[in-house]
N, C-alpha and C. Protein backbone atom coordinates (compact mmCIF):
# COMPACT_ATOMS: atom_id res chain seq x y z
N MET A 1 95.33 186.20 -52.21
CA MET A 1 95.50 187.61 -52.51
C MET A 1 94.59 188.42 -51.58
N LYS A 2 95.11 189.49 -51.04
CA LYS A 2 94.39 190.32 -50.08
C LYS A 2 93.22 191.04 -50.76
N PRO A 3 92.07 191.13 -50.07
CA PRO A 3 90.94 191.89 -50.64
C PRO A 3 91.31 193.37 -50.82
N VAL A 4 90.57 194.02 -51.72
CA VAL A 4 90.77 195.45 -51.99
C VAL A 4 89.44 196.16 -51.84
N ILE A 5 89.43 197.22 -51.04
CA ILE A 5 88.26 198.08 -50.92
C ILE A 5 88.44 199.21 -51.93
N VAL A 6 87.42 199.40 -52.78
CA VAL A 6 87.46 200.42 -53.82
C VAL A 6 86.48 201.52 -53.44
N ASP A 7 86.97 202.73 -53.25
CA ASP A 7 86.05 203.82 -52.92
C ASP A 7 85.62 204.55 -54.19
N ALA A 8 84.67 205.45 -54.03
CA ALA A 8 84.09 206.17 -55.18
C ALA A 8 85.12 207.07 -55.87
N SER A 9 86.10 207.56 -55.14
CA SER A 9 87.11 208.41 -55.79
C SER A 9 87.95 207.60 -56.78
N ALA A 10 88.20 206.35 -56.48
CA ALA A 10 88.92 205.49 -57.43
C ALA A 10 88.06 205.26 -58.66
N ALA A 11 86.78 205.03 -58.47
CA ALA A 11 85.87 204.82 -59.59
C ALA A 11 85.73 206.08 -60.44
N ALA A 12 85.87 207.24 -59.85
CA ALA A 12 85.75 208.50 -60.60
C ALA A 12 86.74 208.52 -61.75
N ALA A 13 87.92 207.98 -61.53
CA ALA A 13 88.93 207.98 -62.58
C ALA A 13 88.56 207.06 -63.75
N TRP A 14 87.67 206.12 -63.52
CA TRP A 14 87.20 205.27 -64.62
C TRP A 14 86.16 205.99 -65.45
N LEU A 15 85.54 207.01 -64.88
CA LEU A 15 84.39 207.67 -65.48
C LEU A 15 84.68 209.03 -66.08
N ILE A 16 85.63 209.74 -65.51
CA ILE A 16 85.92 211.11 -65.92
C ILE A 16 87.30 211.12 -66.59
N PRO A 17 87.32 211.37 -67.89
CA PRO A 17 88.57 211.22 -68.65
C PRO A 17 89.78 211.96 -68.07
N ASP A 18 89.61 213.18 -67.56
CA ASP A 18 90.78 213.92 -67.08
C ASP A 18 91.28 213.44 -65.71
N GLU A 19 90.64 212.44 -65.12
CA GLU A 19 91.09 211.88 -63.85
C GLU A 19 91.79 210.52 -64.04
N ARG A 20 91.79 210.02 -65.26
CA ARG A 20 92.37 208.71 -65.54
C ARG A 20 93.88 208.73 -65.43
N THR A 21 94.41 207.61 -64.96
CA THR A 21 95.85 207.36 -64.97
C THR A 21 96.05 205.92 -65.42
N GLU A 22 97.27 205.59 -65.72
CA GLU A 22 97.58 204.21 -66.09
C GLU A 22 97.20 203.27 -64.94
N ALA A 23 97.46 203.70 -63.72
CA ALA A 23 97.16 202.87 -62.54
C ALA A 23 95.65 202.67 -62.37
N THR A 24 94.84 203.71 -62.61
CA THR A 24 93.39 203.53 -62.47
C THR A 24 92.84 202.65 -63.58
N ASP A 25 93.40 202.76 -64.78
CA ASP A 25 92.99 201.88 -65.87
C ASP A 25 93.30 200.42 -65.53
N GLN A 26 94.47 200.19 -64.96
CA GLN A 26 94.86 198.82 -64.56
C GLN A 26 93.93 198.29 -63.47
N LEU A 27 93.60 199.15 -62.51
CA LEU A 27 92.67 198.74 -61.45
C LEU A 27 91.32 198.35 -62.05
N TYR A 28 90.82 199.15 -62.98
CA TYR A 28 89.53 198.84 -63.60
C TYR A 28 89.57 197.49 -64.32
N LYS A 29 90.66 197.22 -65.02
CA LYS A 29 90.79 195.93 -65.71
C LYS A 29 90.70 194.78 -64.71
N GLN A 30 91.33 194.93 -63.56
CA GLN A 30 91.29 193.90 -62.53
C GLN A 30 89.90 193.76 -61.93
N VAL A 31 89.24 194.89 -61.68
CA VAL A 31 87.90 194.88 -61.07
C VAL A 31 86.90 194.15 -61.97
N ARG A 32 87.11 194.21 -63.26
CA ARG A 32 86.18 193.56 -64.20
C ARG A 32 86.34 192.05 -64.25
N VAL A 33 87.52 191.53 -63.90
CA VAL A 33 87.78 190.11 -64.13
C VAL A 33 88.15 189.30 -62.88
N GLN A 34 88.15 189.92 -61.72
CA GLN A 34 88.54 189.21 -60.51
C GLN A 34 87.42 189.23 -59.47
N PRO A 35 86.36 188.46 -59.70
CA PRO A 35 85.27 188.44 -58.72
C PRO A 35 85.75 187.94 -57.36
N GLY A 36 85.18 188.52 -56.32
CA GLY A 36 85.50 188.11 -54.96
C GLY A 36 86.65 188.86 -54.33
N ARG A 37 87.43 189.57 -55.12
CA ARG A 37 88.59 190.29 -54.57
C ARG A 37 88.27 191.73 -54.18
N PHE A 38 87.34 192.36 -54.87
CA PHE A 38 87.06 193.78 -54.67
C PHE A 38 85.76 193.97 -53.90
N HIS A 39 85.77 194.92 -52.96
CA HIS A 39 84.63 195.15 -52.07
C HIS A 39 84.40 196.64 -51.90
N ALA A 40 83.18 196.98 -51.51
CA ALA A 40 82.83 198.36 -51.18
C ALA A 40 81.58 198.35 -50.31
N PRO A 41 81.39 199.38 -49.50
CA PRO A 41 80.12 199.51 -48.79
C PRO A 41 79.01 199.78 -49.81
N SER A 42 77.79 199.47 -49.46
CA SER A 42 76.68 199.66 -50.39
C SER A 42 76.51 201.12 -50.79
N LEU A 43 76.99 202.06 -49.99
CA LEU A 43 76.86 203.48 -50.32
C LEU A 43 77.63 203.83 -51.59
N TRP A 44 78.52 202.97 -52.04
CA TRP A 44 79.30 203.19 -53.27
C TRP A 44 78.38 203.45 -54.46
N HIS A 45 77.24 202.75 -54.52
CA HIS A 45 76.28 202.94 -55.62
C HIS A 45 75.79 204.39 -55.66
N TRP A 46 75.44 204.94 -54.51
CA TRP A 46 74.93 206.31 -54.45
C TRP A 46 76.04 207.32 -54.71
N GLU A 47 77.22 207.05 -54.18
CA GLU A 47 78.33 207.98 -54.40
C GLU A 47 78.72 208.04 -55.88
N THR A 48 78.83 206.88 -56.53
CA THR A 48 79.22 206.89 -57.94
C THR A 48 78.11 207.47 -58.81
N GLY A 49 76.85 207.19 -58.46
CA GLY A 49 75.74 207.79 -59.20
C GLY A 49 75.73 209.30 -59.07
N ASN A 50 75.97 209.79 -57.87
CA ASN A 50 76.01 211.23 -57.65
C ASN A 50 77.21 211.86 -58.35
N LEU A 51 78.31 211.16 -58.37
CA LEU A 51 79.50 211.63 -59.07
C LEU A 51 79.19 211.84 -60.55
N LEU A 52 78.49 210.88 -61.16
CA LEU A 52 78.11 211.02 -62.56
C LEU A 52 77.17 212.22 -62.76
N LEU A 53 76.18 212.33 -61.91
CA LEU A 53 75.21 213.41 -62.01
C LEU A 53 75.88 214.78 -61.85
N MET A 54 76.74 214.93 -60.86
CA MET A 54 77.43 216.20 -60.66
C MET A 54 78.36 216.51 -61.82
N SER A 55 78.98 215.49 -62.40
CA SER A 55 79.85 215.69 -63.56
C SER A 55 79.05 216.17 -64.77
N LEU A 56 77.83 215.68 -64.91
CA LEU A 56 76.95 216.14 -65.98
C LEU A 56 76.56 217.60 -65.74
N ARG A 57 76.14 217.92 -64.53
CA ARG A 57 75.72 219.29 -64.21
C ARG A 57 76.85 220.30 -64.36
N ARG A 58 78.08 219.86 -64.09
CA ARG A 58 79.23 220.77 -64.18
C ARG A 58 79.84 220.80 -65.57
N GLY A 59 79.26 220.05 -66.50
CA GLY A 59 79.74 220.04 -67.86
C GLY A 59 81.00 219.22 -68.09
N ARG A 60 81.36 218.38 -67.12
CA ARG A 60 82.55 217.53 -67.28
C ARG A 60 82.24 216.30 -68.12
N LEU A 61 80.98 215.89 -68.13
CA LEU A 61 80.52 214.74 -68.92
C LEU A 61 79.22 215.11 -69.61
N ASP A 62 78.96 214.50 -70.76
CA ASP A 62 77.67 214.68 -71.42
C ASP A 62 76.80 213.45 -71.16
N GLN A 63 75.56 213.50 -71.63
CA GLN A 63 74.61 212.42 -71.35
C GLN A 63 75.10 211.07 -71.88
N GLU A 64 75.72 211.07 -73.04
CA GLU A 64 76.24 209.81 -73.60
C GLU A 64 77.34 209.23 -72.71
N GLN A 65 78.19 210.10 -72.17
CA GLN A 65 79.25 209.64 -71.27
C GLN A 65 78.68 209.12 -69.96
N ILE A 66 77.56 209.70 -69.52
CA ILE A 66 76.90 209.22 -68.31
C ILE A 66 76.41 207.78 -68.53
N GLU A 67 75.77 207.56 -69.66
CA GLU A 67 75.27 206.21 -69.98
C GLU A 67 76.43 205.22 -70.08
N GLN A 68 77.51 205.64 -70.71
CA GLN A 68 78.70 204.78 -70.81
C GLN A 68 79.27 204.51 -69.42
N GLY A 69 79.30 205.54 -68.58
CA GLY A 69 79.79 205.38 -67.21
C GLY A 69 78.97 204.36 -66.43
N LEU A 70 77.65 204.41 -66.59
CA LEU A 70 76.80 203.44 -65.90
C LEU A 70 77.11 202.02 -66.36
N LYS A 71 77.39 201.85 -67.65
CA LYS A 71 77.78 200.53 -68.16
C LYS A 71 79.12 200.08 -67.59
N LEU A 72 80.07 201.01 -67.52
CA LEU A 72 81.38 200.68 -66.94
C LEU A 72 81.24 200.22 -65.49
N LEU A 73 80.43 200.95 -64.73
CA LEU A 73 80.21 200.57 -63.33
C LEU A 73 79.51 199.22 -63.22
N GLY A 74 78.57 198.99 -64.13
CA GLY A 74 77.84 197.71 -64.11
C GLY A 74 78.71 196.51 -64.41
N ALA A 75 79.83 196.73 -65.08
CA ALA A 75 80.74 195.63 -65.41
C ALA A 75 81.69 195.27 -64.26
N CYS A 76 81.68 196.06 -63.22
CA CYS A 76 82.58 195.83 -62.09
C CYS A 76 82.16 194.59 -61.29
N GLN A 77 83.16 193.82 -60.91
CA GLN A 77 82.94 192.63 -60.08
C GLN A 77 83.25 193.00 -58.62
N ILE A 78 82.41 193.86 -58.06
CA ILE A 78 82.60 194.33 -56.69
C ILE A 78 81.54 193.70 -55.81
N GLU A 79 81.96 193.18 -54.67
CA GLU A 79 81.01 192.66 -53.69
C GLU A 79 80.65 193.81 -52.75
N PHE A 80 79.35 194.02 -52.59
CA PHE A 80 78.90 195.15 -51.79
C PHE A 80 78.46 194.70 -50.41
N ASP A 81 79.00 195.38 -49.42
CA ASP A 81 78.68 195.11 -48.03
C ASP A 81 77.28 195.65 -47.75
N PRO A 82 76.49 194.94 -46.96
CA PRO A 82 75.15 195.46 -46.64
C PRO A 82 75.25 196.69 -45.74
N PRO A 83 74.15 197.44 -45.63
CA PRO A 83 74.16 198.59 -44.72
C PRO A 83 74.58 198.15 -43.31
N PRO A 84 75.27 199.03 -42.60
CA PRO A 84 75.80 198.64 -41.29
C PRO A 84 74.71 198.50 -40.23
N ASP A 85 74.91 197.52 -39.34
CA ASP A 85 74.04 197.38 -38.18
C ASP A 85 74.51 198.38 -37.12
N ALA A 86 73.87 198.38 -35.96
CA ALA A 86 74.18 199.36 -34.91
C ALA A 86 75.64 199.25 -34.45
N ARG A 87 76.16 198.05 -34.32
CA ARG A 87 77.53 197.85 -33.86
C ARG A 87 78.52 198.43 -34.87
N ARG A 88 78.29 198.18 -36.14
CA ARG A 88 79.19 198.71 -37.17
C ARG A 88 79.04 200.22 -37.32
N ARG A 89 77.83 200.75 -37.18
CA ARG A 89 77.66 202.22 -37.23
C ARG A 89 78.47 202.88 -36.13
N SER A 90 78.47 202.25 -34.96
CA SER A 90 79.25 202.78 -33.84
C SER A 90 80.74 202.75 -34.16
N ALA A 91 81.22 201.68 -34.76
CA ALA A 91 82.63 201.58 -35.15
C ALA A 91 82.97 202.64 -36.20
N ILE A 92 82.05 202.87 -37.14
CA ILE A 92 82.28 203.87 -38.18
C ILE A 92 82.37 205.27 -37.57
N VAL A 93 81.49 205.57 -36.64
CA VAL A 93 81.52 206.88 -35.98
C VAL A 93 82.83 207.07 -35.22
N ARG A 94 83.29 206.02 -34.54
CA ARG A 94 84.56 206.12 -33.81
C ARG A 94 85.73 206.37 -34.77
N LEU A 95 85.75 205.65 -35.89
CA LEU A 95 86.82 205.86 -36.88
C LEU A 95 86.74 207.25 -37.48
N ALA A 96 85.54 207.71 -37.78
CA ALA A 96 85.37 209.06 -38.34
C ALA A 96 85.90 210.11 -37.37
N GLY A 97 85.57 209.96 -36.11
CA GLY A 97 86.05 210.91 -35.11
C GLY A 97 87.55 210.86 -34.91
N ALA A 98 88.10 209.67 -34.86
CA ALA A 98 89.53 209.51 -34.63
C ALA A 98 90.38 210.04 -35.78
N HIS A 99 89.83 209.99 -36.99
CA HIS A 99 90.62 210.36 -38.17
C HIS A 99 90.08 211.57 -38.93
N GLN A 100 89.12 212.27 -38.33
CA GLN A 100 88.54 213.47 -38.94
C GLN A 100 88.01 213.18 -40.35
N LEU A 101 87.23 212.09 -40.47
CA LEU A 101 86.63 211.68 -41.74
C LEU A 101 85.14 211.90 -41.72
N THR A 102 84.53 211.90 -42.89
CA THR A 102 83.08 211.86 -42.96
C THR A 102 82.63 210.44 -42.59
N PHE A 103 81.37 210.29 -42.26
CA PHE A 103 80.82 208.97 -41.98
C PHE A 103 81.00 208.08 -43.21
N TYR A 104 80.80 208.67 -44.40
CA TYR A 104 80.94 207.91 -45.65
C TYR A 104 82.34 207.34 -45.80
N ASP A 105 83.35 208.20 -45.67
CA ASP A 105 84.72 207.72 -45.82
C ASP A 105 85.10 206.73 -44.73
N ALA A 106 84.62 206.98 -43.51
CA ALA A 106 84.91 206.05 -42.41
C ALA A 106 84.27 204.68 -42.66
N ALA A 107 83.18 204.63 -43.44
CA ALA A 107 82.57 203.34 -43.78
C ALA A 107 83.54 202.51 -44.62
N TYR A 108 84.27 203.15 -45.54
CA TYR A 108 85.29 202.43 -46.31
C TYR A 108 86.41 201.95 -45.39
N LEU A 109 86.83 202.82 -44.48
CA LEU A 109 87.91 202.47 -43.55
C LEU A 109 87.50 201.31 -42.65
N GLU A 110 86.28 201.35 -42.15
CA GLU A 110 85.79 200.26 -41.29
C GLU A 110 85.79 198.94 -42.05
N LEU A 111 85.39 198.96 -43.30
CA LEU A 111 85.38 197.75 -44.12
C LEU A 111 86.81 197.24 -44.33
N CYS A 112 87.75 198.15 -44.54
CA CYS A 112 89.16 197.76 -44.67
C CYS A 112 89.65 197.04 -43.42
N VAL A 113 89.35 197.63 -42.27
CA VAL A 113 89.78 197.05 -41.00
C VAL A 113 89.14 195.67 -40.82
N ARG A 114 87.84 195.59 -41.05
CA ARG A 114 87.11 194.34 -40.83
C ARG A 114 87.56 193.23 -41.75
N LEU A 115 87.87 193.55 -43.01
CA LEU A 115 88.27 192.53 -43.98
C LEU A 115 89.79 192.36 -44.07
N ASN A 116 90.54 193.13 -43.27
CA ASN A 116 92.00 193.11 -43.33
C ASN A 116 92.46 193.26 -44.78
N SER A 117 92.02 194.36 -45.39
CA SER A 117 92.21 194.54 -46.82
C SER A 117 93.11 195.72 -47.14
N GLN A 118 93.29 195.94 -48.43
CA GLN A 118 93.97 197.11 -48.97
C GLN A 118 92.90 198.14 -49.34
N ILE A 119 93.33 199.36 -49.62
CA ILE A 119 92.39 200.40 -50.07
C ILE A 119 92.86 200.99 -51.40
N ALA A 120 91.91 201.14 -52.32
CA ALA A 120 92.15 201.84 -53.58
C ALA A 120 91.32 203.11 -53.54
N SER A 121 92.00 204.25 -53.45
CA SER A 121 91.33 205.53 -53.30
C SER A 121 92.26 206.64 -53.78
N THR A 122 91.67 207.77 -54.14
CA THR A 122 92.47 208.97 -54.40
C THR A 122 92.18 210.03 -53.34
N ASP A 123 91.32 209.72 -52.38
CA ASP A 123 90.92 210.64 -51.33
C ASP A 123 92.06 210.75 -50.30
N LYS A 124 92.69 211.91 -50.24
CA LYS A 124 93.86 212.09 -49.40
C LYS A 124 93.58 211.86 -47.91
N ALA A 125 92.46 212.35 -47.41
CA ALA A 125 92.14 212.16 -45.99
C ALA A 125 91.92 210.68 -45.68
N LEU A 126 91.23 209.99 -46.56
CA LEU A 126 90.99 208.56 -46.35
C LEU A 126 92.31 207.79 -46.43
N LEU A 127 93.18 208.15 -47.34
CA LEU A 127 94.47 207.48 -47.45
C LEU A 127 95.34 207.72 -46.22
N ARG A 128 95.30 208.94 -45.67
CA ARG A 128 96.05 209.22 -44.43
C ARG A 128 95.52 208.38 -43.29
N ALA A 129 94.19 208.28 -43.19
CA ALA A 129 93.59 207.47 -42.13
C ALA A 129 93.94 206.00 -42.29
N ALA A 130 93.92 205.53 -43.54
CA ALA A 130 94.28 204.13 -43.79
C ALA A 130 95.73 203.88 -43.37
N GLN A 131 96.61 204.80 -43.71
CA GLN A 131 98.01 204.65 -43.33
C GLN A 131 98.15 204.60 -41.80
N ALA A 132 97.43 205.47 -41.10
CA ALA A 132 97.47 205.50 -39.64
C ALA A 132 96.98 204.18 -39.04
N CYS A 133 96.09 203.50 -39.76
CA CYS A 133 95.55 202.21 -39.28
C CYS A 133 96.38 201.02 -39.78
N GLY A 134 97.46 201.28 -40.49
CA GLY A 134 98.31 200.21 -40.98
C GLY A 134 97.74 199.47 -42.19
N ILE A 135 96.84 200.14 -42.92
CA ILE A 135 96.20 199.54 -44.10
C ILE A 135 97.04 199.86 -45.33
N GLU A 136 97.33 198.83 -46.11
CA GLU A 136 98.09 199.01 -47.34
C GLU A 136 97.29 199.80 -48.35
N ARG A 137 97.93 200.78 -48.98
CA ARG A 137 97.26 201.64 -49.96
C ARG A 137 97.75 201.29 -51.37
N ILE A 138 96.83 201.25 -52.32
CA ILE A 138 97.17 201.01 -53.71
C ILE A 138 97.37 202.36 -54.38
N ALA A 139 98.54 202.58 -54.95
CA ALA A 139 98.85 203.86 -55.60
C ALA A 139 98.06 203.98 -56.89
N LEU A 140 97.34 205.10 -57.04
CA LEU A 140 96.52 205.33 -58.23
C LEU A 140 96.95 206.56 -59.02
N ASP A 141 98.07 207.16 -58.64
CA ASP A 141 98.53 208.35 -59.37
C ASP A 141 99.63 208.03 -60.35
């Protein structure tokens, strides 16, 4: 089975009730029980943490939901890629420039290319870039 890169936008749907879909719920069930299949850059920890914090500040989640969200994230069987070395940072910058992405989003794309994987995301720009690179996208809507 092909690896799947999970970005923070996909995880947001596990954490914020009004972003959930049947497809994101199914993805979360798989992420919890299929070790070795799901991957993300190490920046995923900071992005998902910030997502929770911003949701609290904007009143989308309360403190109890934040704690529950941290538990949900902790149950994920995701393998995290180490921070990029100079060669990979250069590849990420090239992908970001070619596809008009942030460095963060290009890090997910670079991991997809390197692992010959699929992408699970709701980020439209990242999904367009993945399509342009011939990367299979998992529908989450």
